[in-house]
């Protein structure tokens, strides 16, 4: 278990570093890195959902997942530098509206960040019902971006 926690801590640190440095990458590299970071976020969210479905909550695992999700929520603002979308010939599911409707996209990102912070607070409370409720709100914030700003294949 200690080894797994160390891996999670390293992943969280990598997310923080990658979010800051992303703007200096080529468009293709930026798209690749944001895909990796969102996959990490999705894996963390899956871990939460698996625990909620099983009925057994492991607080240390929930905390690690919440930290990963919160780090992504803060770092995501750096993941879409201009020129890293489909117009650059980059293979991405990011719709052009991310850049053409930047203010609206930022609002959606802020909603995700707020819900991620609220989820972290719910995890710290240890209240299973609050964790479940906030997990659902967090999922809706994710879906809000996916529905409007991500191409479905």
C-alpha atoms as a PDB file:
ATOM      1  CA  UNK A   1       0.000   0.000   0.000  1.00  0.00           C
ATOM      2  CA  UNK A   2       2.883   2.392   0.781  1.00  0.00           C
ATOM      3  CA  UNK A   3       4.330   1.872  -2.693  1.00  0.00           C
ATOM      4  CA  UNK A   4       0.990   2.633  -4.285  1.00  0.00           C
ATOM      5  CA  UNK A   5       0.633   5.833  -2.264  1.00  0.00           C
ATOM      6  CA  UNK A   6       4.112   6.947  -3.313  1.00  0.00           C
ATOM      7  CA  UNK A   7       3.161   6.375  -6.940  1.00  0.00           C
ATOM      8  CA  UNK A   8       0.013   8.438  -6.501  1.00  0.00           C
ATOM      9  CA  UNK A   9       1.979  11.246  -4.839  1.00  0.00           C
ATOM     10  CA  UNK A  10       4.482  11.235  -7.703  1.00  0.00           C
ATOM     11  CA  UNK A  11       1.654  11.349 -10.235  1.00  0.00           C
ATOM     12  CA  UNK A  12       0.153  14.364  -8.466  1.00  0.00           C
ATOM     13  CA  UNK A  13       3.519  16.129  -8.509  1.00  0.00           C
ATOM     14  CA  UNK A  14       3.937  15.337 -12.199  1.00  0.00           C
ATOM     15  CA  UNK A  15       0.516  16.804 -12.920  1.00  0.00           C
ATOM     16  CA  UNK A  16       1.449  20.045 -11.206  1.00  0.00           C
ATOM     17  CA  UNK A  17       4.753  20.367 -13.034  1.00  0.00           C
ATOM     18  CA  UNK A  18       3.300  19.437 -16.412  1.00  0.00           C
ATOM     19  CA  UNK A  19       0.484  21.959 -16.107  1.00  0.00           C
ATOM     20  CA  UNK A  20       2.895  24.835 -15.598  1.00  0.00           C
ATOM     21  CA  UNK A  21       5.287  23.793 -18.361  1.00  0.00           C
ATOM     22  CA  UNK A  22       2.702  22.895 -21.015  1.00  0.00           C
ATOM     23  CA  UNK A  23       2.677  26.268 -22.724  1.00  0.00           C
ATOM     24  CA  UNK A  24       6.279  25.759 -23.877  1.00  0.00           C
ATOM     25  CA  UNK A  25       5.498  22.590 -25.856  1.00  0.00           C
ATOM     26  CA  UNK A  26       4.709  22.268 -29.553  1.00  0.00           C
ATOM     27  CA  UNK A  27       0.987  22.030 -30.393  1.00  0.00           C
ATOM     28  CA  UNK A  28       1.224  18.253 -30.825  1.00  0.00           C
ATOM     29  CA  UNK A  29       3.103  17.810 -27.554  1.00  0.00           C
ATOM     30  CA  UNK A  30       0.607  20.047 -25.733  1.00  0.00           C
ATOM     31  CA  UNK A  31      -2.308  17.961 -27.010  1.00  0.00           C
ATOM     32  CA  UNK A  32      -0.572  14.718 -26.069  1.00  0.00           C
ATOM     33  CA  UNK A  33       0.193  15.941 -22.544  1.00  0.00           C
ATOM     34  CA  UNK A  34      -3.328  17.204 -21.885  1.00  0.00           C
ATOM     35  CA  UNK A  35      -4.690  13.839 -23.043  1.00  0.00           C
ATOM     36  CA  UNK A  36      -2.377  12.101 -20.560  1.00  0.00           C
ATOM     37  CA  UNK A  37      -3.413  14.434 -17.740  1.00  0.00           C
ATOM     38  CA  UNK A  38      -7.104  13.973 -18.431  1.00  0.00           C
ATOM     39  CA  UNK A  39      -6.582  10.206 -18.480  1.00  0.00           C
ATOM     40  CA  UNK A  40      -4.984  10.480 -15.039  1.00  0.00           C
ATOM     41  CA  UNK A  41      -7.996  12.503 -13.928  1.00  0.00           C
ATOM     42  CA  UNK A  42     -10.375   9.923 -15.371  1.00  0.00           C
ATOM     43  CA  UNK A  43      -8.522   7.116 -13.595  1.00  0.00           C
ATOM     44  CA  UNK A  44      -8.800   8.989 -10.312  1.00  0.00           C
ATOM     45  CA  UNK A  45     -12.515   9.558 -10.864  1.00  0.00           C
ATOM     46  CA  UNK A  46     -12.967   5.866 -11.737  1.00  0.00           C
ATOM     47  CA  UNK A  47     -11.291   4.925  -8.458  1.00  0.00           C
ATOM     48  CA  UNK A  48     -13.792   7.100  -6.590  1.00  0.00           C
ATOM     49  CA  UNK A  49     -16.745   5.600  -8.448  1.00  0.00           C
ATOM     50  CA  UNK A  50     -15.476   2.069  -7.867  1.00  0.00           C
ATOM     51  CA  UNK A  51     -15.289   2.721  -4.136  1.00  0.00           C
ATOM     52  CA  UNK A  52     -18.746   4.258  -4.059  1.00  0.00           C
ATOM     53  CA  UNK A  53     -20.176   1.283  -5.937  1.00  0.00           C
ATOM     54  CA  UNK A  54     -18.438  -1.219  -3.670  1.00  0.00           C
ATOM     55  CA  UNK A  55     -19.721   0.469  -0.539  1.00  0.00           C
ATOM     56  CA  UNK A  56     -16.231   0.390   0.975  1.00  0.00           C
ATOM     57  CA  UNK A  57     -14.602   3.780   1.181  1.00  0.00           C
ATOM     58  CA  UNK A  58     -10.859   3.879   1.740  1.00  0.00           C
ATOM     59  CA  UNK A  59     -10.149   7.430   2.832  1.00  0.00           C
ATOM     60  CA  UNK A  60      -6.480   7.433   1.866  1.00  0.00           C
ATOM     61  CA  UNK A  61      -7.415   6.352  -1.670  1.00  0.00           C
ATOM     62  CA  UNK A  62     -10.221   8.892  -1.859  1.00  0.00           C
ATOM     63  CA  UNK A  63      -7.806  11.608  -0.727  1.00  0.00           C
ATOM     64  CA  UNK A  64      -5.269  10.626  -3.373  1.00  0.00           C
ATOM     65  CA  UNK A  65      -7.971  10.673  -6.056  1.00  0.00           C
ATOM     66  CA  UNK A  66      -9.308  14.012  -4.839  1.00  0.00           C
ATOM     67  CA  UNK A  67      -5.787  15.495  -4.932  1.00  0.00           C
ATOM     68  CA  UNK A  68      -5.252  14.276  -8.492  1.00  0.00           C
ATOM     69  CA  UNK A  69      -8.605  15.686  -9.591  1.00  0.00           C
ATOM     70  CA  UNK A  70      -8.006  19.009  -7.829  1.00  0.00           C
ATOM     71  CA  UNK A  71      -4.524  19.306  -9.340  1.00  0.00           C
ATOM     72  CA  UNK A  72      -6.002  18.713 -12.781  1.00  0.00           C
ATOM     73  CA  UNK A  73      -8.732  21.251 -12.140  1.00  0.00           C
ATOM     74  CA  UNK A  74      -6.132  23.901 -11.323  1.00  0.00           C
ATOM     75  CA  UNK A  75      -3.666  22.945 -14.055  1.00  0.00           C
ATOM     76  CA  UNK A  76      -6.166  22.537 -16.894  1.00  0.00           C
ATOM     77  CA  UNK A  77      -6.104  26.272 -17.573  1.00  0.00           C
ATOM     78  CA  UNK A  78      -2.630  25.743 -19.083  1.00  0.00           C
ATOM     79  CA  UNK A  79      -3.541  22.700 -21.171  1.00  0.00           C
ATOM     80  CA  UNK A  80      -5.048  24.475 -24.169  1.00  0.00           C
ATOM     81  CA  UNK A  81      -2.468  26.948 -25.453  1.00  0.00           C
ATOM     82  CA  UNK A  82      -3.389  28.751 -28.666  1.00  0.00           C
ATOM     83  CA  UNK A  83      -2.524  26.681 -31.707  1.00  0.00           C
ATOM     84  CA  UNK A  84      -2.894  23.296 -29.976  1.00  0.00           C
ATOM     85  CA  UNK A  85      -6.253  22.464 -31.492  1.00  0.00           C
ATOM     86  CA  UNK A  86      -7.479  20.876 -34.710  1.00  0.00           C
ATOM     87  CA  UNK A  87      -6.505  23.942 -36.767  1.00  0.00           C
ATOM     88  CA  UNK A  88      -2.852  22.986 -36.245  1.00  0.00           C
ATOM     89  CA  UNK A  89      -3.436  19.510 -37.667  1.00  0.00           C
ATOM     90  CA  UNK A  90      -3.138  18.027 -34.189  1.00  0.00           C
ATOM     91  CA  UNK A  91      -4.976  14.780 -33.479  1.00  0.00           C
ATOM     92  CA  UNK A  92      -7.295  15.911 -30.709  1.00  0.00           C
ATOM     93  CA  UNK A  93     -10.883  15.577 -29.564  1.00  0.00           C
ATOM     94  CA  UNK A  94     -10.829  19.225 -28.499  1.00  0.00           C
ATOM     95  CA  UNK A  95     -13.385  21.240 -30.464  1.00  0.00           C
ATOM     96  CA  UNK A  96     -12.418  24.618 -31.965  1.00  0.00           C
ATOM     97  CA  UNK A  97     -14.988  26.240 -29.651  1.00  0.00           C
ATOM     98  CA  UNK A  98     -12.460  25.899 -26.829  1.00  0.00           C
ATOM     99  CA  UNK A  99     -10.512  28.728 -28.428  1.00  0.00           C
ATOM    100  CA  UNK A 100     -13.311  30.602 -30.242  1.00  0.00           C
ATOM    101  CA  UNK A 101     -15.467  30.688 -27.086  1.00  0.00           C
ATOM    102  CA  UNK A 102     -12.596  31.022 -24.634  1.00  0.00           C
ATOM    103  CA  UNK A 103     -14.640  32.895 -22.002  1.00  0.00           C
ATOM    104  CA  UNK A 104     -17.372  30.245 -21.954  1.00  0.00           C
ATOM    105  CA  UNK A 105     -14.790  27.460 -21.882  1.00  0.00           C
ATOM    106  CA  UNK A 106     -13.067  29.147 -18.947  1.00  0.00           C
ATOM    107  CA  UNK A 107     -16.415  29.297 -17.104  1.00  0.00           C
ATOM    108  CA  UNK A 108     -16.790  25.550 -17.605  1.00  0.00           C
ATOM    109  CA  UNK A 109     -13.230  25.009 -16.367  1.00  0.00           C
ATOM    110  CA  UNK A 110     -13.940  27.148 -13.289  1.00  0.00           C
ATOM    111  CA  UNK A 111     -17.048  25.081 -12.582  1.00  0.00           C
ATOM    112  CA  UNK A 112     -14.914  21.926 -12.706  1.00  0.00           C
ATOM    113  CA  UNK A 113     -12.368  23.505 -10.378  1.00  0.00           C
ATOM    114  CA  UNK A 114     -15.064  24.558  -7.896  1.00  0.00           C
ATOM    115  CA  UNK A 115     -16.667  21.115  -7.931  1.00  0.00           C
ATOM    116  CA  UNK A 116     -13.244  19.467  -7.508  1.00  0.00           C
ATOM    117  CA  UNK A 117     -12.535  21.652  -4.467  1.00  0.00           C
ATOM    118  CA  UNK A 118     -15.954  20.820  -3.024  1.00  0.00           C
ATOM    119  CA  UNK A 119     -15.274  17.134  -3.653  1.00  0.00           C
ATOM    120  CA  UNK A 120     -11.990  17.359  -1.741  1.00  0.00           C
ATOM    121  CA  UNK A 121     -13.861  18.946   1.170  1.00  0.00           C
ATOM    122  CA  UNK A 122     -16.469  16.177   1.079  1.00  0.00           C
ATOM    123  CA  UNK A 123     -13.728  13.537   1.153  1.00  0.00           C
ATOM    124  CA  UNK A 124     -12.138  15.209   4.166  1.00  0.00           C
ATOM    125  CA  UNK A 125     -15.504  15.209   5.947  1.00  0.00           C
ATOM    126  CA  UNK A 126     -15.656  11.420   5.662  1.00  0.00           C
ATOM    127  CA  UNK A 127     -19.429  11.655   5.114  1.00  0.00           C
ATOM    128  CA  UNK A 128     -20.274   8.961   2.569  1.00  0.00           C
ATOM    129  CA  UNK A 129     -23.491  10.677   1.467  1.00  0.00           C
ATOM    130  CA  UNK A 130     -21.691  14.006   0.969  1.00  0.00           C
ATOM    131  CA  UNK A 131     -18.932  12.252  -0.991  1.00  0.00           C
ATOM    132  CA  UNK A 132     -21.493  10.529  -3.212  1.00  0.00           C
ATOM    133  CA  UNK A 133     -23.468  13.735  -3.792  1.00  0.00           C
ATOM    134  CA  UNK A 134     -20.363  15.756  -4.595  1.00  0.00           C
ATOM    135  CA  UNK A 135     -19.015  13.006  -6.842  1.00  0.00           C
ATOM    136  CA  UNK A 136     -22.208  13.326  -8.885  1.00  0.00           C
ATOM    137  CA  UNK A 137     -21.847  17.118  -9.076  1.00  0.00           C
ATOM    138  CA  UNK A 138     -18.229  16.690 -10.154  1.00  0.00           C
ATOM    139  CA  UNK A 139     -19.297  14.220 -12.836  1.00  0.00           C
ATOM    140  CA  UNK A 140     -21.845  16.727 -14.157  1.00  0.00           C
ATOM    141  CA  UNK A 141     -19.140  19.388 -14.380  1.00  0.00           C
ATOM    142  CA  UNK A 142     -16.973  16.973 -16.380  1.00  0.00           C
ATOM    143  CA  UNK A 143     -19.863  16.057 -18.656  1.00  0.00           C
ATOM    144  CA  UNK A 144     -20.641  19.735 -19.210  1.00  0.00           C
ATOM    145  CA  UNK A 145     -17.253  20.245 -20.840  1.00  0.00           C
ATOM    146  CA  UNK A 146     -17.259  16.937 -22.667  1.00  0.00           C
ATOM    147  CA  UNK A 147     -20.696  17.561 -24.141  1.00  0.00           C
ATOM    148  CA  UNK A 148     -19.860  21.021 -25.482  1.00  0.00           C
ATOM    149  CA  UNK A 149     -16.105  21.034 -26.052  1.00  0.00           C
ATOM    150  CA  UNK A 150     -15.118  17.480 -26.943  1.00  0.00           C
ATOM    151  CA  UNK A 151     -15.655  15.643 -30.205  1.00  0.00           C
ATOM    152  CA  UNK A 152     -17.307  12.254 -29.793  1.00  0.00           C
ATOM    153  CA  UNK A 153     -15.943   9.528 -32.027  1.00  0.00           C
END
